[in-house]
Amino acid sequence: MLYAILSEDVADSLEARRQTRPAHLARLEILKEQGRLIIAGPHPAIDCNDPGNAGFTGSLVIAEFDNLEAAQQWANADPYLEAGIYARVVVKPFKKVLP
């Protein structure tokens, strides 16, 4: 089943994001290679694809996991969470309808 992982950043997280990004992306690459990643990316803090120093306010990952517990465990091991970048992470079942 698919799960949406919605994460909210703490304030002023940009520098920590930059430092932790390679480890964060490595885990997403594994999901991608396994064919389980649907979409992933950050929420820019301003209405722009490249927010520069404004940074990001959080992230969204939609991926396939065996169950909610597995999705939650994966989310709990995110380097961004471990580095204190994420203030809050919510994992919810997701039903893809379109496209």
N, C-alpha and C. Protein backbone atom coordinates (compact mmCIF):
# COMPACT_ATOMS: atom_id res chain seq x y z
N MET A 1 0.84 -1.17 0.00
CA MET A 1 0.00 0.00 0.00
C MET A 1 0.89 1.24 0.00
N LEU A 2 0.32 2.34 -0.49
CA LEU A 2 1.05 3.60 -0.49
C LEU A 2 0.82 4.35 0.82
N TYR A 3 1.85 5.12 1.20
CA TYR A 3 1.80 5.95 2.41
C TYR A 3 2.39 7.30 2.10
N ALA A 4 1.75 8.34 2.65
CA ALA A 4 2.27 9.70 2.54
C ALA A 4 2.99 10.02 3.83
N ILE A 5 4.21 10.49 3.70
CA ILE A 5 5.01 10.91 4.85
C ILE A 5 5.17 12.42 4.73
N LEU A 6 4.50 13.13 5.63
CA LEU A 6 4.48 14.60 5.62
C LEU A 6 5.31 15.09 6.79
N SER A 7 6.34 15.86 6.48
CA SER A 7 7.27 16.33 7.50
C SER A 7 7.29 17.85 7.53
N GLU A 8 7.38 18.40 8.73
CA GLU A 8 7.48 19.84 8.92
C GLU A 8 8.83 20.16 9.55
N ASP A 9 9.52 21.14 8.97
CA ASP A 9 10.83 21.55 9.47
C ASP A 9 10.74 22.46 10.69
N VAL A 10 11.77 22.44 11.48
CA VAL A 10 11.95 23.45 12.52
C VAL A 10 12.36 24.74 11.81
N ALA A 11 12.30 25.86 12.49
CA ALA A 11 12.74 27.13 11.91
C ALA A 11 14.24 27.10 11.64
N ASP A 12 14.65 27.80 10.61
CA ASP A 12 16.08 27.95 10.27
C ASP A 12 16.80 26.62 10.09
N SER A 13 16.19 25.74 9.34
CA SER A 13 16.75 24.39 9.16
C SER A 13 17.64 24.25 7.92
N LEU A 14 17.78 25.31 7.12
CA LEU A 14 18.44 25.19 5.83
C LEU A 14 19.86 24.65 5.91
N GLU A 15 20.68 25.17 6.77
CA GLU A 15 22.07 24.71 6.84
C GLU A 15 22.15 23.24 7.27
N ALA A 16 21.34 22.87 8.23
CA ALA A 16 21.31 21.46 8.66
C ALA A 16 20.80 20.57 7.53
N ARG A 17 19.84 21.06 6.76
CA ARG A 17 19.35 20.31 5.60
C ARG A 17 20.48 20.08 4.61
N ARG A 18 21.23 21.12 4.32
CA ARG A 18 22.34 21.01 3.36
C ARG A 18 23.35 19.96 3.81
N GLN A 19 23.66 19.94 5.08
CA GLN A 19 24.66 19.01 5.60
C GLN A 19 24.14 17.57 5.61
N THR A 20 22.87 17.39 5.84
CA THR A 20 22.28 16.06 6.02
C THR A 20 21.69 15.50 4.73
N ARG A 21 21.57 16.34 3.71
CA ARG A 21 20.90 15.95 2.46
C ARG A 21 21.44 14.68 1.81
N PRO A 22 22.76 14.48 1.70
CA PRO A 22 23.23 13.25 1.05
C PRO A 22 22.70 11.97 1.72
N ALA A 23 22.68 11.92 3.02
CA ALA A 23 22.17 10.74 3.73
C ALA A 23 20.66 10.59 3.52
N HIS A 24 19.95 11.71 3.53
CA HIS A 24 18.51 11.70 3.30
C HIS A 24 18.20 11.17 1.90
N LEU A 25 18.91 11.68 0.89
CA LEU A 25 18.67 11.25 -0.49
C LEU A 25 19.06 9.80 -0.73
N ALA A 26 20.08 9.32 -0.04
CA ALA A 26 20.51 7.93 -0.22
C ALA A 26 19.39 6.95 0.12
N ARG A 27 18.64 7.25 1.17
CA ARG A 27 17.52 6.38 1.55
C ARG A 27 16.40 6.42 0.51
N LEU A 28 16.17 7.61 -0.05
CA LEU A 28 15.15 7.74 -1.08
C LEU A 28 15.57 7.01 -2.35
N GLU A 29 16.86 7.03 -2.67
CA GLU A 29 17.37 6.31 -3.84
C GLU A 29 17.11 4.81 -3.72
N ILE A 30 17.23 4.29 -2.52
CA ILE A 30 16.96 2.86 -2.30
C ILE A 30 15.51 2.55 -2.62
N LEU A 31 14.59 3.37 -2.10
CA LEU A 31 13.17 3.17 -2.42
C LEU A 31 12.93 3.26 -3.92
N LYS A 32 13.59 4.21 -4.57
CA LYS A 32 13.45 4.38 -6.02
C LYS A 32 13.93 3.14 -6.76
N GLU A 33 15.11 2.64 -6.39
CA GLU A 33 15.67 1.46 -7.04
C GLU A 33 14.78 0.24 -6.85
N GLN A 34 14.08 0.18 -5.73
CA GLN A 34 13.17 -0.92 -5.44
C GLN A 34 11.81 -0.75 -6.12
N GLY A 35 11.61 0.38 -6.81
CA GLY A 35 10.34 0.65 -7.48
C GLY A 35 9.22 1.03 -6.53
N ARG A 36 9.56 1.48 -5.33
CA ARG A 36 8.56 1.78 -4.31
C ARG A 36 8.31 3.28 -4.11
N LEU A 37 9.14 4.13 -4.70
CA LEU A 37 9.01 5.57 -4.52
C LEU A 37 8.12 6.15 -5.61
N ILE A 38 7.06 6.83 -5.21
CA ILE A 38 6.16 7.48 -6.16
C ILE A 38 6.60 8.91 -6.41
N ILE A 39 6.85 9.65 -5.33
CA ILE A 39 7.26 11.05 -5.43
C ILE A 39 7.90 11.47 -4.12
N ALA A 40 8.83 12.39 -4.20
CA ALA A 40 9.46 12.93 -2.98
C ALA A 40 10.01 14.30 -3.27
N GLY A 41 9.93 15.17 -2.29
CA GLY A 41 10.52 16.49 -2.45
C GLY A 41 10.17 17.41 -1.30
N PRO A 42 10.86 18.56 -1.25
CA PRO A 42 10.65 19.51 -0.17
C PRO A 42 9.57 20.54 -0.51
N HIS A 43 9.10 21.22 0.51
CA HIS A 43 8.15 22.33 0.37
C HIS A 43 8.95 23.63 0.49
N PRO A 44 9.14 24.37 -0.62
CA PRO A 44 9.86 25.64 -0.53
C PRO A 44 9.14 26.62 0.41
N ALA A 45 9.91 27.40 1.12
CA ALA A 45 9.35 28.36 2.07
C ALA A 45 8.69 29.55 1.36
N ILE A 46 9.05 29.75 0.09
CA ILE A 46 8.43 30.81 -0.70
C ILE A 46 7.94 30.21 -2.01
N ASP A 47 7.14 30.95 -2.74
CA ASP A 47 6.53 30.47 -3.97
C ASP A 47 7.54 30.48 -5.12
N CYS A 48 8.48 29.52 -5.05
CA CYS A 48 9.58 29.48 -6.01
C CYS A 48 10.23 28.09 -5.94
N ASN A 49 10.60 27.53 -7.10
CA ASN A 49 11.27 26.23 -7.09
C ASN A 49 12.61 26.25 -6.37
N ASP A 50 13.33 27.36 -6.49
CA ASP A 50 14.61 27.51 -5.81
C ASP A 50 14.49 28.65 -4.81
N PRO A 51 14.14 28.34 -3.56
CA PRO A 51 13.89 29.40 -2.59
C PRO A 51 15.14 30.05 -2.02
N GLY A 52 16.31 29.60 -2.44
CA GLY A 52 17.55 30.18 -1.94
C GLY A 52 17.64 30.13 -0.43
N ASN A 53 18.01 31.24 0.18
CA ASN A 53 18.19 31.28 1.63
C ASN A 53 16.89 31.21 2.42
N ALA A 54 15.73 31.33 1.73
CA ALA A 54 14.44 31.18 2.42
C ALA A 54 14.27 29.74 2.90
N GLY A 55 14.88 28.80 2.18
CA GLY A 55 14.86 27.40 2.60
C GLY A 55 13.53 26.70 2.37
N PHE A 56 13.26 25.74 3.22
CA PHE A 56 12.11 24.86 3.06
C PHE A 56 11.36 24.75 4.38
N THR A 57 10.09 24.36 4.27
CA THR A 57 9.26 24.23 5.46
C THR A 57 8.95 22.78 5.80
N GLY A 58 9.38 21.85 4.96
CA GLY A 58 9.11 20.45 5.21
C GLY A 58 9.29 19.64 3.95
N SER A 59 8.78 18.41 3.98
CA SER A 59 8.95 17.49 2.86
C SER A 59 7.73 16.59 2.72
N LEU A 60 7.61 16.03 1.52
CA LEU A 60 6.58 15.03 1.24
C LEU A 60 7.24 13.83 0.57
N VAL A 61 6.93 12.65 1.05
CA VAL A 61 7.34 11.40 0.41
C VAL A 61 6.09 10.56 0.28
N ILE A 62 5.86 10.04 -0.91
CA ILE A 62 4.80 9.04 -1.11
C ILE A 62 5.49 7.80 -1.65
N ALA A 63 5.36 6.71 -0.90
CA ALA A 63 6.06 5.48 -1.25
C ALA A 63 5.26 4.27 -0.81
N GLU A 64 5.63 3.13 -1.34
CA GLU A 64 4.96 1.87 -1.01
C GLU A 64 5.69 1.17 0.14
N PHE A 65 4.90 0.74 1.11
CA PHE A 65 5.40 -0.05 2.24
C PHE A 65 4.43 -1.18 2.49
N ASP A 66 4.87 -2.21 3.21
CA ASP A 66 4.01 -3.36 3.50
C ASP A 66 2.82 -2.98 4.37
N ASN A 67 3.04 -2.03 5.29
CA ASN A 67 1.97 -1.63 6.20
C ASN A 67 2.35 -0.30 6.85
N LEU A 68 1.42 0.23 7.62
CA LEU A 68 1.63 1.53 8.27
C LEU A 68 2.80 1.48 9.23
N GLU A 69 2.95 0.39 9.95
CA GLU A 69 4.07 0.27 10.90
C GLU A 69 5.41 0.35 10.18
N ALA A 70 5.53 -0.32 9.02
CA ALA A 70 6.78 -0.28 8.25
C ALA A 70 7.05 1.12 7.73
N ALA A 71 6.02 1.81 7.28
CA ALA A 71 6.18 3.18 6.80
C ALA A 71 6.62 4.10 7.94
N GLN A 72 6.02 3.92 9.10
CA GLN A 72 6.38 4.74 10.26
C GLN A 72 7.82 4.48 10.70
N GLN A 73 8.22 3.22 10.70
CA GLN A 73 9.60 2.89 11.07
C GLN A 73 10.59 3.51 10.09
N TRP A 74 10.27 3.47 8.80
CA TRP A 74 11.14 4.07 7.80
C TRP A 74 11.23 5.57 8.04
N ALA A 75 10.10 6.21 8.27
CA ALA A 75 10.08 7.66 8.50
C ALA A 75 10.86 8.03 9.76
N ASN A 76 10.75 7.22 10.80
CA ASN A 76 11.42 7.50 12.06
C ASN A 76 12.94 7.41 11.96
N ALA A 77 13.44 6.74 10.93
CA ALA A 77 14.89 6.58 10.74
C ALA A 77 15.46 7.60 9.76
N ASP A 78 14.66 8.59 9.35
CA ASP A 78 15.13 9.58 8.39
C ASP A 78 16.25 10.42 9.01
N PRO A 79 17.36 10.60 8.31
CA PRO A 79 18.45 11.44 8.82
C PRO A 79 18.01 12.86 9.16
N TYR A 80 17.04 13.40 8.44
CA TYR A 80 16.54 14.73 8.77
C TYR A 80 15.88 14.75 10.15
N LEU A 81 15.16 13.72 10.48
CA LEU A 81 14.54 13.64 11.80
C LEU A 81 15.61 13.46 12.87
N GLU A 82 16.56 12.59 12.62
CA GLU A 82 17.64 12.34 13.57
C GLU A 82 18.50 13.58 13.80
N ALA A 83 18.63 14.44 12.77
CA ALA A 83 19.44 15.66 12.88
C ALA A 83 18.66 16.83 13.48
N GLY A 84 17.40 16.60 13.81
CA GLY A 84 16.59 17.67 14.41
C GLY A 84 16.03 18.66 13.41
N ILE A 85 16.05 18.32 12.14
CA ILE A 85 15.51 19.20 11.10
C ILE A 85 13.99 19.16 11.09
N TYR A 86 13.44 17.98 11.27
CA TYR A 86 11.99 17.84 11.29
C TYR A 86 11.46 18.04 12.70
N ALA A 87 10.48 18.91 12.81
CA ALA A 87 9.79 19.14 14.08
C ALA A 87 8.67 18.13 14.25
N ARG A 88 8.10 17.69 13.12
CA ARG A 88 6.94 16.80 13.17
C ARG A 88 6.90 15.96 11.91
N VAL A 89 6.55 14.70 12.05
CA VAL A 89 6.40 13.79 10.92
C VAL A 89 5.08 13.04 11.09
N VAL A 90 4.26 13.08 10.05
CA VAL A 90 2.98 12.37 10.06
C VAL A 90 3.01 11.36 8.92
N VAL A 91 2.61 10.13 9.21
CA VAL A 91 2.55 9.08 8.20
C VAL A 91 1.09 8.65 8.07
N LYS A 92 0.58 8.68 6.83
CA LYS A 92 -0.83 8.34 6.58
C LYS A 92 -0.93 7.41 5.39
N PRO A 93 -1.88 6.47 5.43
CA PRO A 93 -2.16 5.70 4.22
C PRO A 93 -2.59 6.64 3.10
N PHE A 94 -2.24 6.29 1.87
CA PHE A 94 -2.54 7.13 0.71
C PHE A 94 -3.12 6.26 -0.40
N LYS A 95 -4.22 6.70 -0.94
CA LYS A 95 -4.84 5.98 -2.06
C LYS A 95 -4.69 6.82 -3.31
N LYS A 96 -3.90 6.36 -4.26
CA LYS A 96 -3.71 7.07 -5.53
C LYS A 96 -4.94 6.86 -6.41
N VAL A 97 -5.50 7.97 -6.86
CA VAL A 97 -6.65 7.92 -7.75
C VAL A 97 -6.27 8.40 -9.16
N LEU A 98 -5.57 9.51 -9.25
CA LEU A 98 -5.16 10.08 -10.52
C LEU A 98 -3.70 10.48 -10.45
N PRO A 99 -2.95 10.56 -11.50
CA PRO A 99 -3.29 10.00 -12.81
C PRO A 99 -3.16 8.51 -12.80
